[in-house]
Amino acid sequence: SHMTIGDFRNWLLSDKASSDMLNQIRAGVTPEMAAAVSKIMRNQDL
């Protein structure tokens, strides 16, 4: 909740964002957040 879109991208690419952790936060991520972060990611990031 404290993150910016840029912070969220970096967090998603970090080891902290494990499969279990992504499952825990999925209900808190809106489509608009997901779409926004995807727009600042490279194909390799995605």
ModelCIF file with pLDDT and N, C-alpha, C, O atoms, coordinates in Angstrom:
data_MODEL
#
_entry.id   MODEL 
#
_entity.id                         1 
_entity.type                       polymer 
_entity.pdbx_number_of_molecules   1 
#
_entity_poly.entity_id                      1 
_entity_poly.type                           'polypeptide(L)' 
_entity_poly.nstd_linkage                   no 
_entity_poly.nstd_monomer                   no 
_entity_poly.pdbx_seq_one_letter_code       SHMTIGDFRNWLLSDKASSDMLNQIRAGVTPEMAAAVSKIMRNQDL 
_entity_poly.pdbx_seq_one_letter_code_can   SHMTIGDFRNWLLSDKASSDMLNQIRAGVTPEMAAAVSKIMRNQDL 
_entity_poly.pdbx_strand_id                 A 
#
loop_
_entity_poly_seq.entity_id 
_entity_poly_seq.num 
_entity_poly_seq.mon_id 
_entity_poly_seq.hetero 
1 1  SER n 
1 2  HIS n 
1 3  MET n 
1 4  THR n 
1 5  ILE n 
1 6  GLY n 
1 7  ASP n 
1 8  PHE n 
1 9  ARG n 
1 10 ASN n 
1 11 TRP n 
1 12 LEU n 
1 13 LEU n 
1 14 SER n 
1 15 ASP n 
1 16 LYS n 
1 17 ALA n 
1 18 SER n 
1 19 SER n 
1 20 ASP n 
1 21 MET n 
1 22 LEU n 
1 23 ASN n 
1 24 GLN n 
1 25 ILE n 
1 26 ARG n 
1 27 ALA n 
1 28 GLY n 
1 29 VAL n 
1 30 THR n 
1 31 PRO n 
1 32 GLU n 
1 33 MET n 
1 34 ALA n 
1 35 ALA n 
1 36 ALA n 
1 37 VAL n 
1 38 SER n 
1 39 LYS n 
1 40 ILE n 
1 41 MET n 
1 42 ARG n 
1 43 ASN n 
1 44 GLN n 
1 45 ASP n 
1 46 LEU n 
#
_struct_asym.id          A 
_struct_asym.entity_id   1 
#
loop_
_ma_qa_metric.id 
_ma_qa_metric.mode 
_ma_qa_metric.name 
_ma_qa_metric.software_group_id 
_ma_qa_metric.type 
1 global pLDDT . pLDDT 
2 local  pLDDT . pLDDT 
#
_ma_qa_metric_global.metric_id      1 
_ma_qa_metric_global.metric_value   96.91 
_ma_qa_metric_global.model_id       1 
_ma_qa_metric_global.ordinal_id     1 
#
loop_
_ma_qa_metric_local.label_asym_id 
_ma_qa_metric_local.label_comp_id 
_ma_qa_metric_local.label_seq_id 
_ma_qa_metric_local.metric_id 
_ma_qa_metric_local.metric_value 
_ma_qa_metric_local.model_id 
_ma_qa_metric_local.ordinal_id 
A SER 1  2 97.00 1 1  
A HIS 2  2 97.00 1 2  
A MET 3  2 98.00 1 3  
A THR 4  2 98.00 1 4  
A ILE 5  2 98.00 1 5  
A GLY 6  2 97.00 1 6  
A ASP 7  2 98.00 1 7  
A PHE 8  2 98.00 1 8  
A ARG 9  2 98.00 1 9  
A ASN 10 2 98.00 1 10 
A TRP 11 2 98.00 1 11 
A LEU 12 2 98.00 1 12 
A LEU 13 2 98.00 1 13 
A SER 14 2 97.00 1 14 
A ASP 15 2 96.00 1 15 
A LYS 16 2 96.00 1 16 
A ALA 17 2 97.00 1 17 
A SER 18 2 97.00 1 18 
A SER 19 2 96.00 1 19 
A ASP 20 2 96.00 1 20 
A MET 21 2 97.00 1 21 
A LEU 22 2 97.00 1 22 
A ASN 23 2 96.00 1 23 
A GLN 24 2 97.00 1 24 
A ILE 25 2 97.00 1 25 
A ARG 26 2 96.00 1 26 
A ALA 27 2 96.00 1 27 
A GLY 28 2 98.00 1 28 
A VAL 29 2 98.00 1 29 
A THR 30 2 97.00 1 30 
A PRO 31 2 97.00 1 31 
A GLU 32 2 97.00 1 32 
A MET 33 2 98.00 1 33 
A ALA 34 2 97.00 1 34 
A ALA 35 2 96.00 1 35 
A ALA 36 2 97.00 1 36 
A VAL 37 2 98.00 1 37 
A SER 38 2 96.00 1 38 
A LYS 39 2 95.00 1 39 
A ILE 40 2 96.00 1 40 
A MET 41 2 96.00 1 41 
A ARG 42 2 95.00 1 42 
A ASN 43 2 95.00 1 43 
A GLN 44 2 97.00 1 44 
A ASP 45 2 97.00 1 45 
A LEU 46 2 96.00 1 46 
#
loop_
_atom_site.group_PDB 
_atom_site.id 
_atom_site.type_symbol 
_atom_site.label_atom_id 
_atom_site.label_alt_id 
_atom_site.label_comp_id 
_atom_site.label_asym_id 
_atom_site.label_entity_id 
_atom_site.label_seq_id 
_atom_site.pdbx_PDB_ins_code 
_atom_site.Cartn_x 
_atom_site.Cartn_y 
_atom_site.Cartn_z 
_atom_site.occupancy 
_atom_site.B_iso_or_equiv 
_atom_site.pdbx_formal_charge 
_atom_site.auth_seq_id 
_atom_site.auth_comp_id 
_atom_site.auth_asym_id 
_atom_site.auth_atom_id 
_atom_site.pdbx_PDB_model_num 
ATOM 1   N N  . SER A 1 1  ? 0.805  -1.227  0.000   1.00 97.00 ? 1  SER A N  1 
ATOM 2   C CA . SER A 1 1  ? 0.000  0.000   0.000   1.00 97.00 ? 1  SER A CA 1 
ATOM 3   C C  . SER A 1 1  ? 0.837  1.276   0.000   1.00 97.00 ? 1  SER A C  1 
ATOM 4   O O  . SER A 1 1  ? 0.360  2.331   -0.417  1.00 97.00 ? 1  SER A O  1 
ATOM 5   N N  . HIS A 1 2  ? 2.082  1.185   0.465   1.00 97.00 ? 2  HIS A N  1 
ATOM 6   C CA . HIS A 1 2  ? 2.933  2.366   0.543   1.00 97.00 ? 2  HIS A CA 1 
ATOM 7   C C  . HIS A 1 2  ? 3.711  2.613   -0.742  1.00 97.00 ? 2  HIS A C  1 
ATOM 8   O O  . HIS A 1 2  ? 4.434  3.604   -0.839  1.00 97.00 ? 2  HIS A O  1 
ATOM 9   N N  . MET A 1 3  ? 3.579  1.743   -1.718  1.00 98.00 ? 3  MET A N  1 
ATOM 10  C CA . MET A 1 3  ? 4.434  1.785   -2.901  1.00 98.00 ? 3  MET A CA 1 
ATOM 11  C C  . MET A 1 3  ? 3.876  2.671   -4.005  1.00 98.00 ? 3  MET A C  1 
ATOM 12  O O  . MET A 1 3  ? 2.673  2.911   -4.099  1.00 98.00 ? 3  MET A O  1 
ATOM 13  N N  . THR A 1 4  ? 4.799  3.149   -4.838  1.00 98.00 ? 4  THR A N  1 
ATOM 14  C CA . THR A 1 4  ? 4.437  3.755   -6.114  1.00 98.00 ? 4  THR A CA 1 
ATOM 15  C C  . THR A 1 4  ? 4.434  2.655   -7.178  1.00 98.00 ? 4  THR A C  1 
ATOM 16  O O  . THR A 1 4  ? 4.797  1.512   -6.900  1.00 98.00 ? 4  THR A O  1 
ATOM 17  N N  . ILE A 1 5  ? 4.028  3.007   -8.379  1.00 98.00 ? 5  ILE A N  1 
ATOM 18  C CA . ILE A 1 5  ? 4.067  2.039   -9.477  1.00 98.00 ? 5  ILE A CA 1 
ATOM 19  C C  . ILE A 1 5  ? 5.506  1.563   -9.720  1.00 98.00 ? 5  ILE A C  1 
ATOM 20  O O  . ILE A 1 5  ? 5.741  0.380   -9.969  1.00 98.00 ? 5  ILE A O  1 
ATOM 21  N N  . GLY A 1 6  ? 6.458  2.488   -9.645  1.00 97.00 ? 6  GLY A N  1 
ATOM 22  C CA . GLY A 1 6  ? 7.864  2.115   -9.824  1.00 97.00 ? 6  GLY A CA 1 
ATOM 23  C C  . GLY A 1 6  ? 8.354  1.192   -8.724  1.00 97.00 ? 6  GLY A C  1 
ATOM 24  O O  . GLY A 1 6  ? 9.061  0.220   -8.988  1.00 97.00 ? 6  GLY A O  1 
ATOM 25  N N  . ASP A 1 7  ? 7.974  1.502   -7.480  1.00 98.00 ? 7  ASP A N  1 
ATOM 26  C CA . ASP A 1 7  ? 8.332  0.630   -6.361  1.00 98.00 ? 7  ASP A CA 1 
ATOM 27  C C  . ASP A 1 7  ? 7.741  -0.766  -6.554  1.00 98.00 ? 7  ASP A C  1 
ATOM 28  O O  . ASP A 1 7  ? 8.391  -1.777  -6.285  1.00 98.00 ? 7  ASP A O  1 
ATOM 29  N N  . PHE A 1 8  ? 6.508  -0.797  -7.022  1.00 98.00 ? 8  PHE A N  1 
ATOM 30  C CA . PHE A 1 8  ? 5.801  -2.069  -7.222  1.00 98.00 ? 8  PHE A CA 1 
ATOM 31  C C  . PHE A 1 8  ? 6.525  -2.914  -8.268  1.00 98.00 ? 8  PHE A C  1 
ATOM 32  O O  . PHE A 1 8  ? 6.679  -4.123  -8.098  1.00 98.00 ? 8  PHE A O  1 
ATOM 33  N N  . ARG A 1 9  ? 6.964  -2.280  -9.338  1.00 98.00 ? 9  ARG A N  1 
ATOM 34  C CA . ARG A 1 9  ? 7.736  -3.011  -10.355 1.00 98.00 ? 9  ARG A CA 1 
ATOM 35  C C  . ARG A 1 9  ? 8.992  -3.615  -9.747  1.00 98.00 ? 9  ARG A C  1 
ATOM 36  O O  . ARG A 1 9  ? 9.276  -4.797  -9.942  1.00 98.00 ? 9  ARG A O  1 
ATOM 37  N N  . ASN A 1 10 ? 9.741  -2.806  -9.010  1.00 98.00 ? 10 ASN A N  1 
ATOM 38  C CA . ASN A 1 10 ? 10.986 -3.301  -8.422  1.00 98.00 ? 10 ASN A CA 1 
ATOM 39  C C  . ASN A 1 10 ? 10.717 -4.432  -7.432  1.00 98.00 ? 10 ASN A C  1 
ATOM 40  O O  . ASN A 1 10 ? 11.469 -5.405  -7.368  1.00 98.00 ? 10 ASN A O  1 
ATOM 41  N N  . TRP A 1 11 ? 9.648  -4.297  -6.668  1.00 98.00 ? 11 TRP A N  1 
ATOM 42  C CA . TRP A 1 11 ? 9.286  -5.336  -5.692  1.00 98.00 ? 11 TRP A CA 1 
ATOM 43  C C  . TRP A 1 11 ? 8.899  -6.626  -6.403  1.00 98.00 ? 11 TRP A C  1 
ATOM 44  O O  . TRP A 1 11 ? 9.302  -7.708  -5.976  1.00 98.00 ? 11 TRP A O  1 
ATOM 45  N N  . LEU A 1 12 ? 8.123  -6.528  -7.480  1.00 98.00 ? 12 LEU A N  1 
ATOM 46  C CA . LEU A 1 12 ? 7.715  -7.716  -8.234  1.00 98.00 ? 12 LEU A CA 1 
ATOM 47  C C  . LEU A 1 12 ? 8.913  -8.478  -8.790  1.00 98.00 ? 12 LEU A C  1 
ATOM 48  O O  . LEU A 1 12 ? 8.887  -9.704  -8.899  1.00 98.00 ? 12 LEU A O  1 
ATOM 49  N N  . LEU A 1 13 ? 9.961  -7.739  -9.139  1.00 98.00 ? 13 LEU A N  1 
ATOM 50  C CA . LEU A 1 13 ? 11.149 -8.368  -9.708  1.00 98.00 ? 13 LEU A CA 1 
ATOM 51  C C  . LEU A 1 13 ? 12.102 -8.892  -8.642  1.00 98.00 ? 13 LEU A C  1 
ATOM 52  O O  . LEU A 1 13 ? 13.062 -9.596  -8.955  1.00 98.00 ? 13 LEU A O  1 
ATOM 53  N N  . SER A 1 14 ? 11.839 -8.549  -7.378  1.00 97.00 ? 14 SER A N  1 
ATOM 54  C CA . SER A 1 14 ? 12.730 -8.964  -6.297  1.00 97.00 ? 14 SER A CA 1 
ATOM 55  C C  . SER A 1 14 ? 12.363 -10.350 -5.789  1.00 97.00 ? 14 SER A C  1 
ATOM 56  O O  . SER A 1 14 ? 11.304 -10.888 -6.110  1.00 97.00 ? 14 SER A O  1 
ATOM 57  N N  . ASP A 1 15 ? 13.265 -10.915 -4.989  1.00 96.00 ? 15 ASP A N  1 
ATOM 58  C CA . ASP A 1 15 ? 13.013 -12.232 -4.396  1.00 96.00 ? 15 ASP A CA 1 
ATOM 59  C C  . ASP A 1 15 ? 11.897 -12.184 -3.352  1.00 96.00 ? 15 ASP A C  1 
ATOM 60  O O  . ASP A 1 15 ? 11.322 -13.216 -3.005  1.00 96.00 ? 15 ASP A O  1 
ATOM 61  N N  . LYS A 1 16 ? 11.594 -10.985 -2.855  1.00 96.00 ? 16 LYS A N  1 
ATOM 62  C CA . LYS A 1 16 ? 10.517 -10.866 -1.870  1.00 96.00 ? 16 LYS A CA 1 
ATOM 63  C C  . LYS A 1 16 ? 9.169  -11.253 -2.469  1.00 96.00 ? 16 LYS A C  1 
ATOM 64  O O  . LYS A 1 16 ? 8.289  -11.752 -1.769  1.00 96.00 ? 16 LYS A O  1 
ATOM 65  N N  . ALA A 1 17 ? 9.020  -11.022 -3.752  1.00 97.00 ? 17 ALA A N  1 
ATOM 66  C CA . ALA A 1 17 ? 7.749  -11.333 -4.425  1.00 97.00 ? 17 ALA A CA 1 
ATOM 67  C C  . ALA A 1 17 ? 7.759  -12.786 -4.885  1.00 97.00 ? 17 ALA A C  1 
ATOM 68  O O  . ALA A 1 17 ? 7.848  -13.074 -6.078  1.00 97.00 ? 17 ALA A O  1 
ATOM 69  N N  . SER A 1 18 ? 7.668  -13.687 -3.923  1.00 97.00 ? 18 SER A N  1 
ATOM 70  C CA . SER A 1 18 ? 7.630  -15.114 -4.225  1.00 97.00 ? 18 SER A CA 1 
ATOM 71  C C  . SER A 1 18 ? 6.232  -15.494 -4.720  1.00 97.00 ? 18 SER A C  1 
ATOM 72  O O  . SER A 1 18 ? 5.310  -14.680 -4.680  1.00 97.00 ? 18 SER A O  1 
ATOM 73  N N  . SER A 1 19 ? 6.087  -16.720 -5.179  1.00 96.00 ? 19 SER A N  1 
ATOM 74  C CA . SER A 1 19 ? 4.783  -17.194 -5.630  1.00 96.00 ? 19 SER A CA 1 
ATOM 75  C C  . SER A 1 19 ? 3.762  -17.123 -4.498  1.00 96.00 ? 19 SER A C  1 
ATOM 76  O O  . SER A 1 19 ? 2.617  -16.726 -4.718  1.00 96.00 ? 19 SER A O  1 
ATOM 77  N N  . ASP A 1 20 ? 4.166  -17.501 -3.302  1.00 96.00 ? 20 ASP A N  1 
ATOM 78  C CA . ASP A 1 20 ? 3.267  -17.454 -2.151  1.00 96.00 ? 20 ASP A CA 1 
ATOM 79  C C  . ASP A 1 20 ? 2.862  -16.020 -1.826  1.00 96.00 ? 20 ASP A C  1 
ATOM 80  O O  . ASP A 1 20 ? 1.706  -15.747 -1.502  1.00 96.00 ? 20 ASP A O  1 
ATOM 81  N N  . MET A 1 21 ? 3.829  -15.106 -1.916  1.00 97.00 ? 21 MET A N  1 
ATOM 82  C CA . MET A 1 21 ? 3.543  -13.714 -1.606  1.00 97.00 ? 21 MET A CA 1 
ATOM 83  C C  . MET A 1 21 ? 2.603  -13.110 -2.651  1.00 97.00 ? 21 MET A C  1 
ATOM 84  O O  . MET A 1 21 ? 1.695  -12.356 -2.302  1.00 97.00 ? 21 MET A O  1 
ATOM 85  N N  . LEU A 1 22 ? 2.812  -13.434 -3.917  1.00 97.00 ? 22 LEU A N  1 
ATOM 86  C CA . LEU A 1 22 ? 1.925  -12.932 -4.967  1.00 97.00 ? 22 LEU A CA 1 
ATOM 87  C C  . LEU A 1 22 ? 0.506  -13.437 -4.753  1.00 97.00 ? 22 LEU A C  1 
ATOM 88  O O  . LEU A 1 22 ? -0.460 -12.715 -5.001  1.00 97.00 ? 22 LEU A O  1 
ATOM 89  N N  . ASN A 1 23 ? 0.384  -14.665 -4.297  1.00 96.00 ? 23 ASN A N  1 
ATOM 90  C CA . ASN A 1 23 ? -0.938 -15.208 -4.019  1.00 96.00 ? 23 ASN A CA 1 
ATOM 91  C C  . ASN A 1 23 ? -1.609 -14.479 -2.856  1.00 96.00 ? 23 ASN A C  1 
ATOM 92  O O  . ASN A 1 23 ? -2.829 -14.319 -2.832  1.00 96.00 ? 23 ASN A O  1 
ATOM 93  N N  . GLN A 1 24 ? -0.799 -14.041 -1.894  1.00 97.00 ? 24 GLN A N  1 
ATOM 94  C CA . GLN A 1 24 ? -1.346 -13.327 -0.736  1.00 97.00 ? 24 GLN A CA 1 
ATOM 95  C C  . GLN A 1 24 ? -1.865 -11.946 -1.112  1.00 97.00 ? 24 GLN A C  1 
ATOM 96  O O  . GLN A 1 24 ? -2.863 -11.491 -0.553  1.00 97.00 ? 24 GLN A O  1 
ATOM 97  N N  . ILE A 1 25 ? -1.203 -11.273 -2.051  1.00 97.00 ? 25 ILE A N  1 
ATOM 98  C CA . ILE A 1 25 ? -1.587 -9.889  -2.365  1.00 97.00 ? 25 ILE A CA 1 
ATOM 99  C C  . ILE A 1 25 ? -2.534 -9.775  -3.548  1.00 97.00 ? 25 ILE A C  1 
ATOM 100 O O  . ILE A 1 25 ? -3.029 -8.682  -3.824  1.00 97.00 ? 25 ILE A O  1 
ATOM 101 N N  . ARG A 1 26 ? -2.803 -10.868 -4.255  1.00 96.00 ? 26 ARG A N  1 
ATOM 102 C CA . ARG A 1 26 ? -3.525 -10.774 -5.524  1.00 96.00 ? 26 ARG A CA 1 
ATOM 103 C C  . ARG A 1 26 ? -4.885 -10.088 -5.390  1.00 96.00 ? 26 ARG A C  1 
ATOM 104 O O  . ARG A 1 26 ? -5.289 -9.342  -6.282  1.00 96.00 ? 26 ARG A O  1 
ATOM 105 N N  . ALA A 1 27 ? -5.590 -10.331 -4.292  1.00 96.00 ? 27 ALA A N  1 
ATOM 106 C CA . ALA A 1 27 ? -6.909 -9.717  -4.108  1.00 96.00 ? 27 ALA A CA 1 
ATOM 107 C C  . ALA A 1 27 ? -6.812 -8.230  -3.786  1.00 96.00 ? 27 ALA A C  1 
ATOM 108 O O  . ALA A 1 27 ? -7.820 -7.524  -3.781  1.00 96.00 ? 27 ALA A O  1 
ATOM 109 N N  . GLY A 1 28 ? -5.592 -7.756  -3.517  1.00 98.00 ? 28 GLY A N  1 
ATOM 110 C CA . GLY A 1 28 ? -5.398 -6.341  -3.236  1.00 98.00 ? 28 GLY A CA 1 
ATOM 111 C C  . GLY A 1 28 ? -4.911 -5.542  -4.428  1.00 98.00 ? 28 GLY A C  1 
ATOM 112 O O  . GLY A 1 28 ? -4.779 -4.320  -4.351  1.00 98.00 ? 28 GLY A O  1 
ATOM 113 N N  . VAL A 1 29 ? -4.643 -6.225  -5.527  1.00 98.00 ? 29 VAL A N  1 
ATOM 114 C CA . VAL A 1 29 ? -4.151 -5.562  -6.742  1.00 98.00 ? 29 VAL A CA 1 
ATOM 115 C C  . VAL A 1 29 ? -5.320 -5.341  -7.691  1.00 98.00 ? 29 VAL A C  1 
ATOM 116 O O  . VAL A 1 29 ? -5.962 -6.300  -8.120  1.00 98.00 ? 29 VAL A O  1 
ATOM 117 N N  . THR A 1 30 ? -5.598 -4.095  -8.018  1.00 97.00 ? 30 THR A N  1 
ATOM 118 C CA . THR A 1 30 ? -6.671 -3.802  -8.959  1.00 97.00 ? 30 THR A CA 1 
ATOM 119 C C  . THR A 1 30 ? -6.156 -3.939  -10.390 1.00 97.00 ? 30 THR A C  1 
ATOM 120 O O  . THR A 1 30 ? -4.947 -3.892  -10.618 1.00 97.00 ? 30 THR A O  1 
ATOM 121 N N  . PRO A 1 31 ? -7.060 -4.110  -11.356 1.00 97.00 ? 31 PRO A N  1 
ATOM 122 C CA . PRO A 1 31 ? -6.632 -4.200  -12.755 1.00 97.00 ? 31 PRO A CA 1 
ATOM 123 C C  . PRO A 1 31 ? -5.848 -2.972  -13.207 1.00 97.00 ? 31 PRO A C  1 
ATOM 124 O O  . PRO A 1 31 ? -4.889 -3.079  -13.971 1.00 97.00 ? 31 PRO A O  1 
ATOM 125 N N  . GLU A 1 32 ? -6.270 -1.807  -12.724 1.00 97.00 ? 32 GLU A N  1 
ATOM 126 C CA . GLU A 1 32 ? -5.581 -0.574  -13.123 1.00 97.00 ? 32 GLU A CA 1 
ATOM 127 C C  . GLU A 1 32 ? -4.139 -0.560  -12.613 1.00 97.00 ? 32 GLU A C  1 
ATOM 128 O O  . GLU A 1 32 ? -3.242 -0.079  -13.306 1.00 97.00 ? 32 GLU A O  1 
ATOM 129 N N  . MET A 1 33 ? -3.913 -1.081  -11.412 1.00 98.00 ? 33 MET A N  1 
ATOM 130 C CA . MET A 1 33 ? -2.547 -1.181  -10.894 1.00 98.00 ? 33 MET A CA 1 
ATOM 131 C C  . MET A 1 33 ? -1.716 -2.130  -11.754 1.00 98.00 ? 33 MET A C  1 
ATOM 132 O O  . MET A 1 33 ? -0.575 -1.829  -12.105 1.00 98.00 ? 33 MET A O  1 
ATOM 133 N N  . ALA A 1 34 ? -2.300 -3.275  -12.086 1.00 97.00 ? 34 ALA A N  1 
ATOM 134 C CA . ALA A 1 34 ? -1.583 -4.265  -12.882 1.00 97.00 ? 34 ALA A CA 1 
ATOM 135 C C  . ALA A 1 34 ? -1.263 -3.724  -14.262 1.00 97.00 ? 34 ALA A C  1 
ATOM 136 O O  . ALA A 1 34 ? -0.154 -3.908  -14.763 1.00 97.00 ? 34 ALA A O  1 
ATOM 137 N N  . ALA A 1 35 ? -2.239 -3.051  -14.884 1.00 96.00 ? 35 ALA A N  1 
ATOM 138 C CA . ALA A 1 35 ? -2.011 -2.482  -16.209 1.00 96.00 ? 35 ALA A CA 1 
ATOM 139 C C  . ALA A 1 35 ? -0.921 -1.412  -16.154 1.00 96.00 ? 35 ALA A C  1 
ATOM 140 O O  . ALA A 1 35 ? -0.064 -1.343  -17.035 1.00 96.00 ? 35 ALA A O  1 
ATOM 141 N N  . ALA A 1 36 ? -0.960 -0.582  -15.117 1.00 97.00 ? 36 ALA A N  1 
ATOM 142 C CA . ALA A 1 36 ? 0.013  0.503   -14.993 1.00 97.00 ? 36 ALA A CA 1 
ATOM 143 C C  . ALA A 1 36 ? 1.431  -0.031  -14.835 1.00 97.00 ? 36 ALA A C  1 
ATOM 144 O O  . ALA A 1 36 ? 2.350  0.437   -15.509 1.00 97.00 ? 36 ALA A O  1 
ATOM 145 N N  . VAL A 1 37 ? 1.614  -1.006  -13.951 1.00 98.00 ? 37 VAL A N  1 
ATOM 146 C CA . VAL A 1 37 ? 2.972  -1.510  -13.727 1.00 98.00 ? 37 VAL A CA 1 
ATOM 147 C C  . VAL A 1 37 ? 3.491  -2.229  -14.967 1.00 98.00 ? 37 VAL A C  1 
ATOM 148 O O  . VAL A 1 37 ? 4.691  -2.200  -15.241 1.00 98.00 ? 37 VAL A O  1 
ATOM 149 N N  . SER A 1 38 ? 2.605  -2.869  -15.716 1.00 96.00 ? 38 SER A N  1 
ATOM 150 C CA . SER A 1 38 ? 3.053  -3.564  -16.924 1.00 96.00 ? 38 SER A CA 1 
ATOM 151 C C  . SER A 1 38 ? 3.603  -2.591  -17.960 1.00 96.00 ? 38 SER A C  1 
ATOM 152 O O  . SER A 1 38 ? 4.441  -2.961  -18.782 1.00 96.00 ? 38 SER A O  1 
ATOM 153 N N  . LYS A 1 39 ? 3.131  -1.347  -17.919 1.00 95.00 ? 39 LYS A N  1 
ATOM 154 C CA . LYS A 1 39 ? 3.542  -0.353  -18.922 1.00 95.00 ? 39 LYS A CA 1 
ATOM 155 C C  . LYS A 1 39 ? 4.955  0.176   -18.692 1.00 95.00 ? 39 LYS A C  1 
ATOM 156 O O  . LYS A 1 39 ? 5.536  0.814   -19.570 1.00 95.00 ? 39 LYS A O  1 
ATOM 157 N N  . ILE A 1 40 ? 5.504  -0.093  -17.509 1.00 96.00 ? 40 ILE A N  1 
ATOM 158 C CA . ILE A 1 40 ? 6.888  0.345   -17.268 1.00 96.00 ? 40 ILE A CA 1 
ATOM 159 C C  . ILE A 1 40 ? 7.841  -0.857  -17.173 1.00 96.00 ? 40 ILE A C  1 
ATOM 160 O O  . ILE A 1 40 ? 8.976  -0.727  -16.716 1.00 96.00 ? 40 ILE A O  1 
ATOM 161 N N  . MET A 1 41 ? 7.366  -2.009  -17.607 1.00 96.00 ? 41 MET A N  1 
ATOM 162 C CA . MET A 1 41 ? 8.177  -3.227  -17.563 1.00 96.00 ? 41 MET A CA 1 
ATOM 163 C C  . MET A 1 41 ? 8.588  -3.648  -18.964 1.00 96.00 ? 41 MET A C  1 
ATOM 164 O O  . MET A 1 41 ? 7.850  -3.456  -19.930 1.00 96.00 ? 41 MET A O  1 
ATOM 165 N N  . ARG A 1 42 ? 9.767  -4.221  -19.057 1.00 95.00 ? 42 ARG A N  1 
ATOM 166 C CA . ARG A 1 42 ? 10.235 -4.804  -20.314 1.00 95.00 ? 42 ARG A CA 1 
ATOM 167 C C  . ARG A 1 42 ? 9.608  -6.188  -20.482 1.00 95.00 ? 42 ARG A C  1 
ATOM 168 O O  . ARG A 1 42 ? 9.051  -6.751  -19.539 1.00 95.00 ? 42 ARG A O  1 
ATOM 169 N N  . ASN A 1 43 ? 9.707  -6.714  -21.677 1.00 95.00 ? 43 ASN A N  1 
ATOM 170 C CA . ASN A 1 43 ? 9.203  -8.075  -21.902 1.00 95.00 ? 43 ASN A CA 1 
ATOM 171 C C  . ASN A 1 43 ? 9.857  -9.071  -20.956 1.00 95.00 ? 43 ASN A C  1 
ATOM 172 O O  . ASN A 1 43 ? 9.201  -9.974  -20.438 1.00 95.00 ? 43 ASN A O  1 
ATOM 173 N N  . GLN A 1 44 ? 11.168 -8.895  -20.736 1.00 97.00 ? 44 GLN A N  1 
ATOM 174 C CA . GLN A 1 44 ? 11.873 -9.806  -19.838 1.00 97.00 ? 44 GLN A CA 1 
ATOM 175 C C  . GLN A 1 44 ? 11.336 -9.708  -18.414 1.00 97.00 ? 44 GLN A C  1 
ATOM 176 O O  . GLN A 1 44 ? 11.249 -10.713 -17.709 1.00 97.00 ? 44 GLN A O  1 
ATOM 177 N N  . ASP A 1 45 ? 10.976 -8.489  -17.989 1.00 97.00 ? 45 ASP A N  1 
ATOM 178 C CA . ASP A 1 45 ? 10.401 -8.293  -16.665 1.00 97.00 ? 45 ASP A CA 1 
ATOM 179 C C  . ASP A 1 45 ? 9.076  -9.040  -16.545 1.00 97.00 ? 45 ASP A C  1 
ATOM 180 O O  . ASP A 1 45 ? 8.824  -9.728  -15.556 1.00 97.00 ? 45 ASP A O  1 
ATOM 181 N N  . LEU A 1 46 ? 8.234  -8.892  -17.566 1.00 96.00 ? 46 LEU A N  1 
ATOM 182 C CA . LEU A 1 46 ? 6.919  -9.525  -17.549 1.00 96.00 ? 46 LEU A CA 1 
ATOM 183 C C  . LEU A 1 46 ? 7.043  -11.043 -17.497 1.00 96.00 ? 46 LEU A C  1 
ATOM 184 O O  . LEU A 1 46 ? 6.032  -11.745 -17.476 1.00 96.00 ? 46 LEU A O  1 
#
